[in-house]
Amino acid sequence: MRTTAKALILIAVAVIAFWRNQPAWAAAENKRDGTITVVNTVTINGAPKAVFDLITTARLWPQWHPATKAVGGVVERPYGLGDFIHERGRIGDKDFDTTWKVVAHVRPSKIVLQSQKAPTRITYTFTPGKGTTIFNRKLEYKAENFFAVKELEKVMRDQSEQGVNQLKALVEKILSEEARPLS
């Protein structure tokens, strides 16, 4: 029994180690209730608190997420529990607007945003590494609540993957500039 438990632990550790070393990936899963989940993970060079504060500053959204065209509400500081962010954007060939409410906030490890217009949720998790932060973005939505976008799942996966890769580059650039000494 102990040997089996040890073997399972070693397998779990190996899977986690493999997963964490992936630079970015996207996976889509359809659940029985019609919820589609898209998960993206990227490793960002930077401490969790600094990475968390930049990622949770909504004014940066249009710079990294291809669907976001404009934001309002709490945008000039990291958002907190109960804050609202208004987003206007484009998915595929369709414009949208929504209001996100921060429904969970644990600095510097987790944020959950819930759309106030549809059963759509985005969860960010931040896991510390050695001088890095593993950032995980999970989007959960129901396709029937979206307007008719051709190939909606593919568009959502592609925009999410592009977004986290651009986010990594943006956060690393900002942290690098902030660490630079004044001349």
C-alpha atoms as a PDB file:
ATOM      1  CA  MET A   1       0.000   0.000   0.000  1.00  0.00           C
ATOM      2  CA  ARG A   2       2.782   2.440   0.870  1.00  0.00           C
ATOM      3  CA  THR A   3       4.619   1.635  -2.357  1.00  0.00           C
ATOM      4  CA  THR A   4       1.480   2.398  -4.382  1.00  0.00           C
ATOM      5  CA  ALA A   5       0.947   5.684  -2.559  1.00  0.00           C
ATOM      6  CA  LYS A   6       4.578   6.680  -3.113  1.00  0.00           C
ATOM      7  CA  ALA A   7       4.318   5.771  -6.800  1.00  0.00           C
ATOM      8  CA  LEU A   8       1.174   7.882  -7.182  1.00  0.00           C
ATOM      9  CA  ILE A   9       2.836  10.816  -5.471  1.00  0.00           C
ATOM     10  CA  LEU A  10       5.877  10.529  -7.762  1.00  0.00           C
ATOM     11  CA  ILE A  11       3.636  10.391 -10.836  1.00  0.00           C
ATOM     12  CA  ALA A  12       1.682  13.448  -9.639  1.00  0.00           C
ATOM     13  CA  VAL A  13       4.917  15.364  -9.014  1.00  0.00           C
ATOM     14  CA  ALA A  14       6.205  14.417 -12.481  1.00  0.00           C
ATOM     15  CA  VAL A  15       2.969  15.537 -14.156  1.00  0.00           C
ATOM     16  CA  ILE A  16       2.993  18.858 -12.291  1.00  0.00           C
ATOM     17  CA  ALA A  17       6.663  19.424 -13.123  1.00  0.00           C
ATOM     18  CA  PHE A  18       6.008  18.677 -16.796  1.00  0.00           C
ATOM     19  CA  TRP A  19       2.938  20.934 -16.842  1.00  0.00           C
ATOM     20  CA  ARG A  20       4.722  23.852 -15.165  1.00  0.00           C
ATOM     21  CA  ASN A  21       7.577  23.761 -17.651  1.00  0.00           C
ATOM     22  CA  GLN A  22       5.251  24.360 -20.585  1.00  0.00           C
ATOM     23  CA  PRO A  23       5.559  28.002 -21.749  1.00  0.00           C
ATOM     24  CA  ALA A  24       1.886  28.371 -22.677  1.00  0.00           C
ATOM     25  CA  TRP A  25      -0.961  26.118 -23.626  1.00  0.00           C
ATOM     26  CA  ALA A  26      -4.641  26.263 -24.227  1.00  0.00           C
ATOM     27  CA  ALA A  27      -7.173  23.573 -23.571  1.00  0.00           C
ATOM     28  CA  ALA A  28     -10.893  23.601 -24.123  1.00  0.00           C
ATOM     29  CA  GLU A  29     -13.258  21.318 -22.300  1.00  0.00           C
ATOM     30  CA  ASN A  30     -17.006  20.997 -22.721  1.00  0.00           C
ATOM     31  CA  LYS A  31     -18.859  20.149 -19.544  1.00  0.00           C
ATOM     32  CA  ARG A  32     -22.214  18.408 -19.355  1.00  0.00           C
ATOM     33  CA  ASP A  33     -24.038  21.620 -18.506  1.00  0.00           C
ATOM     34  CA  GLY A  34     -22.793  23.255 -21.721  1.00  0.00           C
ATOM     35  CA  THR A  35     -20.035  25.231 -20.029  1.00  0.00           C
ATOM     36  CA  ILE A  36     -16.897  25.525 -22.112  1.00  0.00           C
ATOM     37  CA  THR A  37     -13.613  25.967 -20.273  1.00  0.00           C
ATOM     38  CA  VAL A  38     -10.484  27.423 -21.848  1.00  0.00           C
ATOM     39  CA  VAL A  39      -7.290  27.285 -19.778  1.00  0.00           C
ATOM     40  CA  ASN A  40      -4.017  29.047 -20.575  1.00  0.00           C
ATOM     41  CA  THR A  41      -0.828  28.938 -18.551  1.00  0.00           C
ATOM     42  CA  VAL A  42       2.371  30.924 -18.923  1.00  0.00           C
ATOM     43  CA  THR A  43       5.442  31.443 -16.745  1.00  0.00           C
ATOM     44  CA  ILE A  44       6.250  35.109 -16.170  1.00  0.00           C
ATOM     45  CA  ASN A  45       9.620  36.352 -14.945  1.00  0.00           C
ATOM     46  CA  GLY A  46       8.738  38.311 -11.821  1.00  0.00           C
ATOM     47  CA  ALA A  47       7.652  38.008  -8.203  1.00  0.00           C
ATOM     48  CA  PRO A  48       4.001  37.024  -7.592  1.00  0.00           C
ATOM     49  CA  LYS A  49       2.956  40.276  -5.867  1.00  0.00           C
ATOM     50  CA  ALA A  50       4.348  42.473  -8.659  1.00  0.00           C
ATOM     51  CA  VAL A  51       2.925  40.220 -11.378  1.00  0.00           C
ATOM     52  CA  PHE A  52      -0.449  40.051  -9.574  1.00  0.00           C
ATOM     53  CA  ASP A  53      -0.680  43.836  -9.243  1.00  0.00           C
ATOM     54  CA  LEU A  54       0.062  44.423 -12.933  1.00  0.00           C
ATOM     55  CA  ILE A  55      -2.276  41.721 -14.211  1.00  0.00           C
ATOM     56  CA  THR A  56      -5.095  42.996 -11.997  1.00  0.00           C
ATOM     57  CA  THR A  57      -4.787  46.546 -13.334  1.00  0.00           C
ATOM     58  CA  ALA A  58      -7.571  46.668 -15.932  1.00  0.00           C
ATOM     59  CA  ARG A  59      -6.195  49.664 -17.871  1.00  0.00           C
ATOM     60  CA  LEU A  60      -3.625  47.211 -19.290  1.00  0.00           C
ATOM     61  CA  TRP A  61      -6.271  44.830 -20.712  1.00  0.00           C
ATOM     62  CA  PRO A  62      -6.455  46.496 -24.159  1.00  0.00           C
ATOM     63  CA  GLN A  63      -2.663  46.184 -24.436  1.00  0.00           C
ATOM     64  CA  TRP A  64      -2.625  42.415 -23.999  1.00  0.00           C
ATOM     65  CA  HIS A  65      -6.019  40.832 -24.704  1.00  0.00           C
ATOM     66  CA  PRO A  66      -7.013  40.909 -28.379  1.00  0.00           C
ATOM     67  CA  ALA A  67     -10.764  40.975 -27.577  1.00  0.00           C
ATOM     68  CA  THR A  68     -10.588  44.049 -25.306  1.00  0.00           C
ATOM     69  CA  LYS A  69     -10.981  47.417 -27.001  1.00  0.00           C
ATOM     70  CA  ALA A  70     -11.731  49.667 -23.986  1.00  0.00           C
ATOM     71  CA  VAL A  71     -12.222  49.452 -20.215  1.00  0.00           C
ATOM     72  CA  GLY A  72     -13.845  51.595 -17.532  1.00  0.00           C
ATOM     73  CA  GLY A  73     -14.621  51.435 -13.841  1.00  0.00           C
ATOM     74  CA  VAL A  74     -11.707  50.471 -11.599  1.00  0.00           C
ATOM     75  CA  VAL A  75      -8.830  50.656 -14.067  1.00  0.00           C
ATOM     76  CA  GLU A  76      -6.018  52.756 -12.559  1.00  0.00           C
ATOM     77  CA  ARG A  77      -5.133  50.470  -9.647  1.00  0.00           C
ATOM     78  CA  PRO A  78      -5.225  46.743  -9.006  1.00  0.00           C
ATOM     79  CA  TYR A  79      -8.855  45.815  -8.589  1.00  0.00           C
ATOM     80  CA  GLY A  80     -10.134  44.382  -5.318  1.00  0.00           C
ATOM     81  CA  LEU A  81     -13.035  42.366  -4.015  1.00  0.00           C
ATOM     82  CA  GLY A  82     -16.366  43.849  -5.107  1.00  0.00           C
ATOM     83  CA  ASP A  83     -14.859  46.175  -7.740  1.00  0.00           C
ATOM     84  CA  PHE A  84     -16.431  46.504 -11.194  1.00  0.00           C
ATOM     85  CA  ILE A  85     -14.651  46.704 -14.547  1.00  0.00           C
ATOM     86  CA  HIS A  86     -16.580  47.631 -17.681  1.00  0.00           C
ATOM     87  CA  GLU A  87     -15.237  46.101 -20.864  1.00  0.00           C
ATOM     88  CA  ARG A  88     -16.022  46.809 -24.491  1.00  0.00           C
ATOM     89  CA  GLY A  89     -14.551  44.493 -27.075  1.00  0.00           C
ATOM     90  CA  ARG A  90     -14.819  42.252 -30.081  1.00  0.00           C
ATOM     91  CA  ILE A  91     -14.966  38.467 -30.357  1.00  0.00           C
ATOM     92  CA  GLY A  92     -14.590  37.335 -33.934  1.00  0.00           C
ATOM     93  CA  ASP A  93     -16.700  39.738 -35.979  1.00  0.00           C
ATOM     94  CA  LYS A  94     -19.093  40.730 -33.141  1.00  0.00           C
ATOM     95  CA  ASP A  95     -18.829  43.616 -30.693  1.00  0.00           C
ATOM     96  CA  PHE A  96     -19.686  43.109 -27.021  1.00  0.00           C
ATOM     97  CA  ASP A  97     -19.815  44.953 -23.745  1.00  0.00           C
ATOM     98  CA  THR A  98     -19.967  43.534 -20.263  1.00  0.00           C
ATOM     99  CA  THR A  99     -19.337  44.442 -16.668  1.00  0.00           C
ATOM    100  CA  TRP A 100     -17.088  42.202 -14.584  1.00  0.00           C
ATOM    101  CA  LYS A 101     -17.363  41.990 -10.811  1.00  0.00           C
ATOM    102  CA  VAL A 102     -14.447  40.789  -8.690  1.00  0.00           C
ATOM    103  CA  VAL A 103     -16.089  37.960  -6.702  1.00  0.00           C
ATOM    104  CA  ALA A 104     -12.928  36.445  -5.191  1.00  0.00           C
ATOM    105  CA  HIS A 105      -9.652  38.167  -4.335  1.00  0.00           C
ATOM    106  CA  VAL A 106      -6.683  36.581  -2.573  1.00  0.00           C
ATOM    107  CA  ARG A 107      -3.557  38.665  -3.173  1.00  0.00           C
ATOM    108  CA  PRO A 108      -1.181  37.466  -4.633  1.00  0.00           C
ATOM    109  CA  SER A 109      -2.617  34.063  -5.561  1.00  0.00           C
ATOM    110  CA  LYS A 110      -6.134  34.262  -7.018  1.00  0.00           C
ATOM    111  CA  ILE A 111      -8.747  36.536  -8.616  1.00  0.00           C
ATOM    112  CA  VAL A 112     -12.188  35.581  -9.934  1.00  0.00           C
ATOM    113  CA  LEU A 113     -14.131  37.876 -12.276  1.00  0.00           C
ATOM    114  CA  GLN A 114     -17.828  37.194 -12.917  1.00  0.00           C
ATOM    115  CA  SER A 115     -19.664  38.791 -15.843  1.00  0.00           C
ATOM    116  CA  GLN A 116     -22.791  40.614 -14.738  1.00  0.00           C
ATOM    117  CA  LYS A 117     -24.456  39.998 -18.137  1.00  0.00           C
ATOM    118  CA  ALA A 118     -23.900  36.274 -18.759  1.00  0.00           C
ATOM    119  CA  PRO A 119     -22.743  33.171 -16.878  1.00  0.00           C
ATOM    120  CA  THR A 120     -19.129  33.833 -17.815  1.00  0.00           C
ATOM    121  CA  ARG A 121     -16.291  33.642 -15.330  1.00  0.00           C
ATOM    122  CA  ILE A 122     -12.549  34.245 -15.519  1.00  0.00           C
ATOM    123  CA  THR A 123     -10.239  32.888 -12.825  1.00  0.00           C
ATOM    124  CA  TYR A 124      -6.606  33.950 -12.543  1.00  0.00           C
ATOM    125  CA  THR A 125      -4.237  31.979 -10.334  1.00  0.00           C
ATOM    126  CA  PHE A 126      -0.637  32.881  -9.555  1.00  0.00           C
ATOM    127  CA  THR A 127       1.861  30.268  -8.351  1.00  0.00           C
ATOM    128  CA  PRO A 128       5.326  31.356  -7.168  1.00  0.00           C
ATOM    129  CA  GLY A 129       8.428  29.833  -8.747  1.00  0.00           C
ATOM    130  CA  LYS A 130      12.117  30.702  -8.464  1.00  0.00           C
ATOM    131  CA  GLY A 131      12.020  34.339  -9.540  1.00  0.00           C
ATOM    132  CA  THR A 132       8.955  33.575 -11.635  1.00  0.00           C
ATOM    133  CA  THR A 133       5.192  33.403 -11.381  1.00  0.00           C
ATOM    134  CA  ILE A 134       3.154  30.705 -13.066  1.00  0.00           C
ATOM    135  CA  PHE A 135       0.039  32.489 -14.309  1.00  0.00           C
ATOM    136  CA  ASN A 136      -3.059  30.456 -15.089  1.00  0.00           C
ATOM    137  CA  ARG A 137      -6.113  31.985 -16.779  1.00  0.00           C
ATOM    138  CA  LYS A 138      -9.313  29.941 -16.869  1.00  0.00           C
ATOM    139  CA  LEU A 139     -12.264  31.203 -18.910  1.00  0.00           C
ATOM    140  CA  GLU A 140     -15.633  29.507 -18.389  1.00  0.00           C
ATOM    141  CA  TYR A 141     -18.608  30.378 -20.595  1.00  0.00           C
ATOM    142  CA  LYS A 142     -21.737  28.946 -22.191  1.00  0.00           C
ATOM    143  CA  ALA A 143     -21.757  29.222 -25.964  1.00  0.00           C
ATOM    144  CA  GLU A 144     -25.540  29.642 -26.154  1.00  0.00           C
ATOM    145  CA  ASN A 145     -25.246  32.897 -24.196  1.00  0.00           C
ATOM    146  CA  PHE A 146     -23.000  34.410 -26.847  1.00  0.00           C
ATOM    147  CA  PHE A 147     -24.116  35.958 -30.080  1.00  0.00           C
ATOM    148  CA  ALA A 148     -23.541  33.941 -33.237  1.00  0.00           C
ATOM    149  CA  VAL A 149     -19.784  33.988 -33.718  1.00  0.00           C
ATOM    150  CA  LYS A 150     -18.516  31.625 -36.359  1.00  0.00           C
ATOM    151  CA  GLU A 151     -16.219  29.027 -34.754  1.00  0.00           C
ATOM    152  CA  LEU A 152     -16.712  30.593 -31.289  1.00  0.00           C
ATOM    153  CA  GLU A 153     -14.624  27.993 -29.404  1.00  0.00           C
ATOM    154  CA  LYS A 154     -11.664  28.378 -31.753  1.00  0.00           C
ATOM    155  CA  VAL A 155     -11.839  32.181 -31.577  1.00  0.00           C
ATOM    156  CA  MET A 156     -12.016  32.073 -27.752  1.00  0.00           C
ATOM    157  CA  ARG A 157      -9.076  29.627 -27.531  1.00  0.00           C
ATOM    158  CA  ASP A 158      -6.978  31.596 -30.020  1.00  0.00           C
ATOM    159  CA  GLN A 159      -7.655  34.978 -28.392  1.00  0.00           C
ATOM    160  CA  SER A 160      -6.974  33.557 -24.922  1.00  0.00           C
ATOM    161  CA  GLU A 161      -3.665  32.017 -25.957  1.00  0.00           C
ATOM    162  CA  GLN A 162      -2.569  35.152 -27.800  1.00  0.00           C
ATOM    163  CA  GLY A 163      -3.635  37.199 -24.784  1.00  0.00           C
ATOM    164  CA  VAL A 164      -1.576  35.346 -22.169  1.00  0.00           C
ATOM    165  CA  ASN A 165       1.495  35.390 -24.414  1.00  0.00           C
ATOM    166  CA  GLN A 166       1.133  39.144 -24.933  1.00  0.00           C
ATOM    167  CA  LEU A 167       0.463  39.565 -21.195  1.00  0.00           C
ATOM    168  CA  LYS A 168       3.707  37.767 -20.345  1.00  0.00           C
ATOM    169  CA  ALA A 169       5.670  40.073 -22.671  1.00  0.00           C
ATOM    170  CA  LEU A 170       3.951  43.210 -21.330  1.00  0.00           C
ATOM    171  CA  VAL A 171       4.401  42.346 -17.629  1.00  0.00           C
ATOM    172  CA  GLU A 172       8.049  41.368 -18.119  1.00  0.00           C
ATOM    173  CA  LYS A 173       8.682  44.616 -20.041  1.00  0.00           C
ATOM    174  CA  ILE A 174       7.084  46.768 -17.318  1.00  0.00           C
ATOM    175  CA  LEU A 175       8.913  44.963 -14.497  1.00  0.00           C
ATOM    176  CA  SER A 176      12.207  45.296 -16.393  1.00  0.00           C
ATOM    177  CA  GLU A 177      11.652  49.031 -16.931  1.00  0.00           C
ATOM    178  CA  GLU A 178      10.743  49.545 -13.269  1.00  0.00           C
ATOM    179  CA  ALA A 179      13.908  47.722 -12.157  1.00  0.00           C
ATOM    180  CA  ARG A 180      16.149  49.853 -14.373  1.00  0.00           C
ATOM    181  CA  PRO A 181      18.175  52.427 -12.417  1.00  0.00           C
ATOM    182  CA  LEU A 182      17.659  56.095 -13.199  1.00  0.00           C
ATOM    183  CA  SER A 183      20.483  57.609 -15.224  1.00  0.00           C
END
